[in-house]
Amino acid sequence: GGRKISYYMVVGILERFVLLWLFSYLYVFLN
C-alpha cells in the first residue's frame, strides 16, 4: 500500500530470517 516498500520488505525479510533461525533451535530443544 502506501508504506515505504523497501523498509516494509527488508524488515519483513529480516523478521522471517530470525524466526526461521529460532525455529532451527526450538524444534531440536523440544524433542
PDB file of all heavy atoms in Angstrom:
ATOM      1  N   GLY A   1       0.809  -1.208   0.000  1.00  0.00           N
ATOM      2  CA  GLY A   1       0.000   0.000   0.000  1.00  0.00           C
ATOM      3  C   GLY A   1       0.837   1.249   0.000  1.00  0.00           C
ATOM      4  O   GLY A   1       1.800   1.396  -0.756  1.00  0.00           O
ATOM      5  N   GLY A   2       0.538   2.180   0.893  1.00  0.00           N
ATOM      6  CA  GLY A   2       1.249   3.457   0.939  1.00  0.00           C
ATOM      7  C   GLY A   2       2.515   3.417   1.768  1.00  0.00           C
ATOM      8  O   GLY A   2       3.207   4.422   1.895  1.00  0.00           O
ATOM      9  N   ARG A   3       2.822   2.259   2.356  1.00  0.00           N
ATOM     10  CA  ARG A   3       4.026   2.178   3.165  1.00  0.00           C
ATOM     11  C   ARG A   3       5.294   2.243   2.310  1.00  0.00           C
ATOM     12  O   ARG A   3       5.251   1.974   1.117  1.00  0.00           O
ATOM     13  CB  ARG A   3       4.014   0.869   3.964  1.00  0.00           C
ATOM     14  CG  ARG A   3       3.029   0.881   5.118  1.00  0.00           C
ATOM     15  CD  ARG A   3       2.907  -0.496   5.759  1.00  0.00           C
ATOM     16  NE  ARG A   3       2.087  -1.383   4.943  1.00  0.00           N
ATOM     17  CZ  ARG A   3       1.649  -2.563   5.347  1.00  0.00           C
ATOM     18  NH1 ARG A   3       1.971  -2.995   6.557  1.00  0.00           N
ATOM     19  NH2 ARG A   3       0.907  -3.315   4.562  1.00  0.00           N
ATOM     20  N   LYS A   4       6.391   2.569   2.955  1.00  0.00           N
ATOM     21  CA  LYS A   4       7.670   2.566   2.256  1.00  0.00           C
ATOM     22  C   LYS A   4       8.026   1.120   1.924  1.00  0.00           C
ATOM     23  O   LYS A   4       8.326   0.323   2.813  1.00  0.00           O
ATOM     24  CB  LYS A   4       8.752   3.199   3.122  1.00  0.00           C
ATOM     25  CG  LYS A   4       8.538   4.701   3.368  1.00  0.00           C
ATOM     26  CD  LYS A   4       9.677   5.270   4.199  1.00  0.00           C
ATOM     27  CE  LYS A   4       9.485   6.774   4.401  1.00  0.00           C
ATOM     28  NZ  LYS A   4      10.573   7.348   5.233  1.00  0.00           N
ATOM     29  N   ILE A   5       8.002   0.795   0.644  1.00  0.00           N
ATOM     30  CA  ILE A   5       8.126  -0.594   0.232  1.00  0.00           C
ATOM     31  C   ILE A   5       9.465  -1.193   0.655  1.00  0.00           C
ATOM     32  O   ILE A   5       9.527  -2.312   1.171  1.00  0.00           O
ATOM     33  CB  ILE A   5       7.934  -0.722  -1.289  1.00  0.00           C
ATOM     34  CG1 ILE A   5       6.488  -0.346  -1.659  1.00  0.00           C
ATOM     35  CG2 ILE A   5       8.235  -2.131  -1.761  1.00  0.00           C
ATOM     36  CD1 ILE A   5       6.198  -0.393  -3.134  1.00  0.00           C
ATOM     37  N   SER A   6      10.553  -0.464   0.455  1.00  0.00           N
ATOM     38  CA  SER A   6      11.870  -1.003   0.793  1.00  0.00           C
ATOM     39  C   SER A   6      11.959  -1.344   2.270  1.00  0.00           C
ATOM     40  O   SER A   6      12.415  -2.438   2.657  1.00  0.00           O
ATOM     41  CB  SER A   6      12.971  -0.015   0.417  1.00  0.00           C
ATOM     42  OG  SER A   6      13.051   0.124  -0.981  1.00  0.00           O
ATOM     43  N   TYR A   7      11.524  -0.426   3.126  1.00  0.00           N
ATOM     44  CA  TYR A   7      11.551  -0.671   4.566  1.00  0.00           C
ATOM     45  C   TYR A   7      10.657  -1.852   4.917  1.00  0.00           C
ATOM     46  O   TYR A   7      11.050  -2.750   5.677  1.00  0.00           O
ATOM     47  CB  TYR A   7      11.090   0.585   5.315  1.00  0.00           C
ATOM     48  CG  TYR A   7      10.992   0.405   6.810  1.00  0.00           C
ATOM     49  CD1 TYR A   7      12.133   0.501   7.619  1.00  0.00           C
ATOM     50  CD2 TYR A   7       9.765   0.136   7.411  1.00  0.00           C
ATOM     51  CE1 TYR A   7      12.048   0.335   8.987  1.00  0.00           C
ATOM     52  CE2 TYR A   7       9.671  -0.034   8.786  1.00  0.00           C
ATOM     53  CZ  TYR A   7      10.816   0.061   9.566  1.00  0.00           C
ATOM     54  OH  TYR A   7      10.724  -0.113  10.928  1.00  0.00           O
ATOM     55  N   TYR A   8       9.462  -1.862   4.363  1.00  0.00           N
ATOM     56  CA  TYR A   8       8.491  -2.930   4.627  1.00  0.00           C
ATOM     57  C   TYR A   8       9.037  -4.287   4.228  1.00  0.00           C
ATOM     58  O   TYR A   8       8.948  -5.265   4.982  1.00  0.00           O
ATOM     59  CB  TYR A   8       7.205  -2.613   3.859  1.00  0.00           C
ATOM     60  CG  TYR A   8       6.155  -3.697   3.885  1.00  0.00           C
ATOM     61  CD1 TYR A   8       5.443  -3.975   5.046  1.00  0.00           C
ATOM     62  CD2 TYR A   8       5.864  -4.426   2.737  1.00  0.00           C
ATOM     63  CE1 TYR A   8       4.462  -4.957   5.062  1.00  0.00           C
ATOM     64  CE2 TYR A   8       4.889  -5.408   2.739  1.00  0.00           C
ATOM     65  CZ  TYR A   8       4.189  -5.669   3.908  1.00  0.00           C
ATOM     66  OH  TYR A   8       3.229  -6.644   3.919  1.00  0.00           O
ATOM     67  N   MET A   9       9.651  -4.378   3.063  1.00  0.00           N
ATOM     68  CA  MET A   9      10.161  -5.652   2.563  1.00  0.00           C
ATOM     69  C   MET A   9      11.400  -6.112   3.337  1.00  0.00           C
ATOM     70  O   MET A   9      11.492  -7.275   3.730  1.00  0.00           O
ATOM     71  CB  MET A   9      10.482  -5.527   1.081  1.00  0.00           C
ATOM     72  CG  MET A   9       9.255  -5.444   0.185  1.00  0.00           C
ATOM     73  SD  MET A   9       8.253  -6.944   0.223  1.00  0.00           S
ATOM     74  CE  MET A   9       9.394  -8.133  -0.465  1.00  0.00           C
ATOM     75  N   VAL A  10      12.333  -5.200   3.538  1.00  0.00           N
ATOM     76  CA  VAL A  10      13.574  -5.583   4.208  1.00  0.00           C
ATOM     77  C   VAL A  10      13.303  -6.015   5.649  1.00  0.00           C
ATOM     78  O   VAL A  10      13.840  -7.031   6.122  1.00  0.00           O
ATOM     79  CB  VAL A  10      14.600  -4.436   4.174  1.00  0.00           C
ATOM     80  CG1 VAL A  10      15.809  -4.767   5.050  1.00  0.00           C
ATOM     81  CG2 VAL A  10      15.042  -4.179   2.739  1.00  0.00           C
ATOM     82  N   VAL A  11      12.464  -5.255   6.342  1.00  0.00           N
ATOM     83  CA  VAL A  11      12.118  -5.632   7.722  1.00  0.00           C
ATOM     84  C   VAL A  11      11.414  -6.983   7.745  1.00  0.00           C
ATOM     85  O   VAL A  11      11.699  -7.842   8.587  1.00  0.00           O
ATOM     86  CB  VAL A  11      11.230  -4.554   8.377  1.00  0.00           C
ATOM     87  CG1 VAL A  11      10.655  -5.064   9.704  1.00  0.00           C
ATOM     88  CG2 VAL A  11      12.028  -3.289   8.619  1.00  0.00           C
ATOM     89  N   GLY A  12      10.522  -7.196   6.790  1.00  0.00           N
ATOM     90  CA  GLY A  12       9.818  -8.473   6.714  1.00  0.00           C
ATOM     91  C   GLY A  12      10.770  -9.637   6.461  1.00  0.00           C
ATOM     92  O   GLY A  12      10.629 -10.712   7.052  1.00  0.00           O
ATOM     93  N   ILE A  13      11.738  -9.432   5.596  1.00  0.00           N
ATOM     94  CA  ILE A  13      12.729 -10.475   5.294  1.00  0.00           C
ATOM     95  C   ILE A  13      13.567 -10.780   6.534  1.00  0.00           C
ATOM     96  O   ILE A  13      13.806 -11.950   6.866  1.00  0.00           O
ATOM     97  CB  ILE A  13      13.635 -10.032   4.121  1.00  0.00           C
ATOM     98  CG1 ILE A  13      12.831 -10.026   2.812  1.00  0.00           C
ATOM     99  CG2 ILE A  13      14.853 -10.956   3.992  1.00  0.00           C
ATOM    100  CD1 ILE A  13      13.559  -9.365   1.647  1.00  0.00           C
ATOM    101  N   LEU A  14      14.006  -9.740   7.233  1.00  0.00           N
ATOM    102  CA  LEU A  14      14.816  -9.940   8.435  1.00  0.00           C
ATOM    103  C   LEU A  14      14.013 -10.644   9.525  1.00  0.00           C
ATOM    104  O   LEU A  14      14.535 -11.520  10.228  1.00  0.00           O
ATOM    105  CB  LEU A  14      15.342  -8.594   8.945  1.00  0.00           C
ATOM    106  CG  LEU A  14      16.386  -7.906   8.058  1.00  0.00           C
ATOM    107  CD1 LEU A  14      16.712  -6.520   8.604  1.00  0.00           C
ATOM    108  CD2 LEU A  14      17.653  -8.746   7.972  1.00  0.00           C
ATOM    109  N   GLU A  15      12.740 -10.265   9.683  1.00  0.00           N
ATOM    110  CA  GLU A  15      11.894 -10.911  10.684  1.00  0.00           C
ATOM    111  C   GLU A  15      11.746 -12.401  10.398  1.00  0.00           C
ATOM    112  O   GLU A  15      11.831 -13.239  11.302  1.00  0.00           O
ATOM    113  CB  GLU A  15      10.520 -10.243  10.728  1.00  0.00           C
ATOM    114  CG  GLU A  15      10.503  -8.877  11.379  1.00  0.00           C
ATOM    115  CD  GLU A  15       9.123  -8.257  11.361  1.00  0.00           C
ATOM    116  OE1 GLU A  15       8.223  -8.802  10.660  1.00  0.00           O
ATOM    117  OE2 GLU A  15       8.927  -7.227  12.030  1.00  0.00           O
ATOM    118  N   ARG A  16      11.530 -12.729   9.131  1.00  0.00           N
ATOM    119  CA  ARG A  16      11.354 -14.138   8.791  1.00  0.00           C
ATOM    120  C   ARG A  16      12.646 -14.917   8.975  1.00  0.00           C
ATOM    121  O   ARG A  16      12.634 -16.071   9.413  1.00  0.00           O
ATOM    122  CB  ARG A  16      10.856 -14.282   7.353  1.00  0.00           C
ATOM    123  CG  ARG A  16      10.442 -15.706   7.041  1.00  0.00           C
ATOM    124  CD  ARG A  16       9.746 -15.842   5.718  1.00  0.00           C
ATOM    125  NE  ARG A  16       9.204 -17.186   5.580  1.00  0.00           N
ATOM    126  CZ  ARG A  16       8.650 -17.654   4.461  1.00  0.00           C
ATOM    127  NH1 ARG A  16       8.554 -16.882   3.405  1.00  0.00           N
ATOM    128  NH2 ARG A  16       8.181 -18.882   4.423  1.00  0.00           N
ATOM    129  N   PHE A  17      13.766 -14.281   8.674  1.00  0.00           N
ATOM    130  CA  PHE A  17      15.055 -14.941   8.903  1.00  0.00           C
ATOM    131  C   PHE A  17      15.237 -15.271  10.375  1.00  0.00           C
ATOM    132  O   PHE A  17      15.635 -16.389  10.735  1.00  0.00           O
ATOM    133  CB  PHE A  17      16.200 -14.049   8.422  1.00  0.00           C
ATOM    134  CG  PHE A  17      17.544 -14.452   8.964  1.00  0.00           C
ATOM    135  CD1 PHE A  17      18.194 -15.582   8.484  1.00  0.00           C
ATOM    136  CD2 PHE A  17      18.148 -13.715   9.981  1.00  0.00           C
ATOM    137  CE1 PHE A  17      19.430 -15.972   9.000  1.00  0.00           C
ATOM    138  CE2 PHE A  17      19.378 -14.096  10.500  1.00  0.00           C
ATOM    139  CZ  PHE A  17      20.018 -15.227  10.005  1.00  0.00           C
ATOM    140  N   VAL A  18      14.949 -14.304  11.239  1.00  0.00           N
ATOM    141  CA  VAL A  18      15.109 -14.519  12.681  1.00  0.00           C
ATOM    142  C   VAL A  18      14.205 -15.640  13.165  1.00  0.00           C
ATOM    143  O   VAL A  18      14.626 -16.501  13.961  1.00  0.00           O
ATOM    144  CB  VAL A  18      14.823 -13.215  13.457  1.00  0.00           C
ATOM    145  CG1 VAL A  18      14.758 -13.481  14.960  1.00  0.00           C
ATOM    146  CG2 VAL A  18      15.887 -12.171  13.153  1.00  0.00           C
ATOM    147  N   LEU A  19      12.969 -15.685  12.673  1.00  0.00           N
ATOM    148  CA  LEU A  19      12.037 -16.724  13.106  1.00  0.00           C
ATOM    149  C   LEU A  19      12.470 -18.105  12.599  1.00  0.00           C
ATOM    150  O   LEU A  19      12.334 -19.109  13.303  1.00  0.00           O
ATOM    151  CB  LEU A  19      10.628 -16.395  12.626  1.00  0.00           C
ATOM    152  CG  LEU A  19       9.921 -15.278  13.403  1.00  0.00           C
ATOM    153  CD1 LEU A  19       8.606 -14.894  12.724  1.00  0.00           C
ATOM    154  CD2 LEU A  19       9.662 -15.707  14.846  1.00  0.00           C
ATOM    155  N   LEU A  20      12.971 -18.158  11.365  1.00  0.00           N
ATOM    156  CA  LEU A  20      13.488 -19.430  10.853  1.00  0.00           C
ATOM    157  C   LEU A  20      14.705 -19.881  11.655  1.00  0.00           C
ATOM    158  O   LEU A  20      14.849 -21.069  11.984  1.00  0.00           O
ATOM    159  CB  LEU A  20      13.866 -19.294   9.375  1.00  0.00           C
ATOM    160  CG  LEU A  20      12.744 -19.416   8.355  1.00  0.00           C
ATOM    161  CD1 LEU A  20      13.249 -19.047   6.964  1.00  0.00           C
ATOM    162  CD2 LEU A  20      12.169 -20.831   8.340  1.00  0.00           C
ATOM    163  N   TRP A  21      15.582 -18.956  11.973  1.00  0.00           N
ATOM    164  CA  TRP A  21      16.760 -19.262  12.781  1.00  0.00           C
ATOM    165  C   TRP A  21      16.323 -19.768  14.153  1.00  0.00           C
ATOM    166  O   TRP A  21      16.864 -20.745  14.676  1.00  0.00           O
ATOM    167  CB  TRP A  21      17.626 -18.005  12.906  1.00  0.00           C
ATOM    168  CG  TRP A  21      18.793 -18.154  13.834  1.00  0.00           C
ATOM    169  CD1 TRP A  21      19.974 -18.792  13.589  1.00  0.00           C
ATOM    170  CD2 TRP A  21      18.889 -17.642  15.166  1.00  0.00           C
ATOM    171  NE1 TRP A  21      20.806 -18.716  14.687  1.00  0.00           N
ATOM    172  CE2 TRP A  21      20.170 -18.018  15.669  1.00  0.00           C
ATOM    173  CE3 TRP A  21      18.029 -16.902  15.988  1.00  0.00           C
ATOM    174  CZ2 TRP A  21      20.590 -17.670  16.952  1.00  0.00           C
ATOM    175  CZ3 TRP A  21      18.447 -16.569  17.266  1.00  0.00           C
ATOM    176  CH2 TRP A  21      19.714 -16.951  17.738  1.00  0.00           C
ATOM    177  N   LEU A  22      15.307 -19.102  14.734  1.00  0.00           N
ATOM    178  CA  LEU A  22      14.788 -19.530  16.032  1.00  0.00           C
ATOM    179  C   LEU A  22      14.177 -20.925  15.933  1.00  0.00           C
ATOM    180  O   LEU A  22      14.389 -21.780  16.806  1.00  0.00           O
ATOM    181  CB  LEU A  22      13.753 -18.519  16.527  1.00  0.00           C
ATOM    182  CG  LEU A  22      13.152 -18.791  17.900  1.00  0.00           C
ATOM    183  CD1 LEU A  22      14.227 -18.715  18.980  1.00  0.00           C
ATOM    184  CD2 LEU A  22      12.037 -17.783  18.192  1.00  0.00           C
ATOM    185  N   PHE A  23      13.428 -21.170  14.867  1.00  0.00           N
ATOM    186  CA  PHE A  23      12.798 -22.477  14.680  1.00  0.00           C
ATOM    187  C   PHE A  23      13.847 -23.585  14.594  1.00  0.00           C
ATOM    188  O   PHE A  23      13.621 -24.706  15.073  1.00  0.00           O
ATOM    189  CB  PHE A  23      11.949 -22.454  13.404  1.00  0.00           C
ATOM    190  CG  PHE A  23      11.179 -23.725  13.167  1.00  0.00           C
ATOM    191  CD1 PHE A  23       9.975 -23.949  13.812  1.00  0.00           C
ATOM    192  CD2 PHE A  23      11.661 -24.691  12.295  1.00  0.00           C
ATOM    193  CE1 PHE A  23       9.264 -25.133  13.604  1.00  0.00           C
ATOM    194  CE2 PHE A  23      10.966 -25.863  12.074  1.00  0.00           C
ATOM    195  CZ  PHE A  23       9.757 -26.086  12.733  1.00  0.00           C
ATOM    196  N   SER A  24      15.014 -23.270  14.008  1.00  0.00           N
ATOM    197  CA  SER A  24      16.065 -24.282  13.865  1.00  0.00           C
ATOM    198  C   SER A  24      16.557 -24.778  15.218  1.00  0.00           C
ATOM    199  O   SER A  24      17.103 -25.887  15.320  1.00  0.00           O
ATOM    200  CB  SER A  24      17.239 -23.715  13.049  1.00  0.00           C
ATOM    201  OG  SER A  24      17.988 -22.774  13.791  1.00  0.00           O
ATOM    202  N   TYR A  25      16.364 -23.979  16.272  1.00  0.00           N
ATOM    203  CA  TYR A  25      16.724 -24.403  17.621  1.00  0.00           C
ATOM    204  C   TYR A  25      15.527 -24.986  18.367  1.00  0.00           C
ATOM    205  O   TYR A  25      15.655 -25.989  19.079  1.00  0.00           O
ATOM    206  CB  TYR A  25      17.289 -23.223  18.419  1.00  0.00           C
ATOM    207  CG  TYR A  25      18.711 -22.875  18.064  1.00  0.00           C
ATOM    208  CD1 TYR A  25      18.991 -21.805  17.230  1.00  0.00           C
ATOM    209  CD2 TYR A  25      19.773 -23.617  18.571  1.00  0.00           C
ATOM    210  CE1 TYR A  25      20.296 -21.482  16.901  1.00  0.00           C
ATOM    211  CE2 TYR A  25      21.084 -23.305  18.239  1.00  0.00           C
ATOM    212  CZ  TYR A  25      21.341 -22.232  17.408  1.00  0.00           C
ATOM    213  OH  TYR A  25      22.635 -21.931  17.074  1.00  0.00           O
ATOM    214  N   LEU A  26      14.372 -24.364  18.211  1.00  0.00           N
ATOM    215  CA  LEU A  26      13.213 -24.779  19.003  1.00  0.00           C
ATOM    216  C   LEU A  26      12.829 -26.229  18.742  1.00  0.00           C
ATOM    217  O   LEU A  26      12.577 -26.988  19.685  1.00  0.00           O
ATOM    218  CB  LEU A  26      12.015 -23.855  18.705  1.00  0.00           C
ATOM    219  CG  LEU A  26      12.143 -22.407  19.180  1.00  0.00           C
ATOM    220  CD1 LEU A  26      10.855 -21.644  18.894  1.00  0.00           C
ATOM    221  CD2 LEU A  26      12.479 -22.342  20.661  1.00  0.00           C
ATOM    222  N   TYR A  27      12.771 -26.638  17.467  1.00  0.00           N
ATOM    223  CA  TYR A  27      12.301 -27.992  17.209  1.00  0.00           C
ATOM    224  C   TYR A  27      13.303 -29.034  17.708  1.00  0.00           C
ATOM    225  O   TYR A  27      12.920 -30.178  18.001  1.00  0.00           O
ATOM    226  CB  TYR A  27      11.972 -28.174  15.724  1.00  0.00           C
ATOM    227  CG  TYR A  27      13.122 -28.567  14.828  1.00  0.00           C
ATOM    228  CD1 TYR A  27      13.465 -29.905  14.637  1.00  0.00           C
ATOM    229  CD2 TYR A  27      13.861 -27.602  14.145  1.00  0.00           C
ATOM    230  CE1 TYR A  27      14.506 -30.266  13.793  1.00  0.00           C
ATOM    231  CE2 TYR A  27      14.900 -27.958  13.308  1.00  0.00           C
ATOM    232  CZ  TYR A  27      15.224 -29.288  13.137  1.00  0.00           C
ATOM    233  OH  TYR A  27      16.250 -29.646  12.319  1.00  0.00           O
ATOM    234  N   VAL A  28      14.580 -28.643  17.828  1.00  0.00           N
ATOM    235  CA  VAL A  28      15.594 -29.554  18.381  1.00  0.00           C
ATOM    236  C   VAL A  28      15.477 -29.613  19.899  1.00  0.00           C
ATOM    237  O   VAL A  28      15.459 -30.693  20.503  1.00  0.00           O
ATOM    238  CB  VAL A  28      17.011 -29.107  17.969  1.00  0.00           C
ATOM    239  CG1 VAL A  28      18.072 -29.973  18.666  1.00  0.00           C
ATOM    240  CG2 VAL A  28      17.178 -29.197  16.459  1.00  0.00           C
ATOM    241  N   PHE A  29      15.381 -28.451  20.542  1.00  0.00           N
ATOM    242  CA  PHE A  29      15.325 -28.395  22.005  1.00  0.00           C
ATOM    243  C   PHE A  29      14.028 -28.973  22.560  1.00  0.00           C
ATOM    244  O   PHE A  29      13.961 -29.341  23.740  1.00  0.00           O
ATOM    245  CB  PHE A  29      15.473 -26.944  22.482  1.00  0.00           C
ATOM    246  CG  PHE A  29      16.841 -26.353  22.245  1.00  0.00           C
ATOM    247  CD1 PHE A  29      17.043 -24.991  22.316  1.00  0.00           C
ATOM    248  CD2 PHE A  29      17.926 -27.160  21.968  1.00  0.00           C
ATOM    249  CE1 PHE A  29      18.299 -24.440  22.112  1.00  0.00           C
ATOM    250  CE2 PHE A  29      19.192 -26.627  21.756  1.00  0.00           C
ATOM    251  CZ  PHE A  29      19.381 -25.268  21.833  1.00  0.00           C
ATOM    252  N   LEU A  30      12.976 -29.036  21.725  1.00  0.00           N
ATOM    253  CA  LEU A  30      11.681 -29.541  22.185  1.00  0.00           C
ATOM    254  C   LEU A  30      11.496 -31.028  21.911  1.00  0.00           C
ATOM    255  O   LEU A  30      10.430 -31.576  22.203  1.00  0.00           O
ATOM    256  CB  LEU A  30      10.543 -28.759  21.506  1.00  0.00           C
ATOM    257  CG  LEU A  30      10.357 -27.314  21.967  1.00  0.00           C
ATOM    258  CD1 LEU A  30       9.392 -26.585  21.042  1.00  0.00           C
ATOM    259  CD2 LEU A  30       9.854 -27.266  23.404  1.00  0.00           C
ATOM    260  N   ASN A  31      12.501 -31.664  21.357  1.00  0.00           N
ATOM    261  CA  ASN A  31      12.391 -33.090  21.053  1.00  0.00           C
ATOM    262  C   ASN A  31      13.160 -33.901  22.098  1.00  0.00           C
ATOM    263  O   ASN A  31      14.389 -33.932  22.101  1.00  0.00           O
ATOM    264  CB  ASN A  31      12.935 -33.387  19.654  1.00  0.00           C
ATOM    265  CG  ASN A  31      12.545 -34.766  19.153  1.00  0.00           C
ATOM    266  OD1 ASN A  31      12.503 -35.728  19.916  1.00  0.00           O
ATOM    267  ND2 ASN A  31      12.248 -34.869  17.873  1.00  0.00           N
TER     268      ASN A  31
END
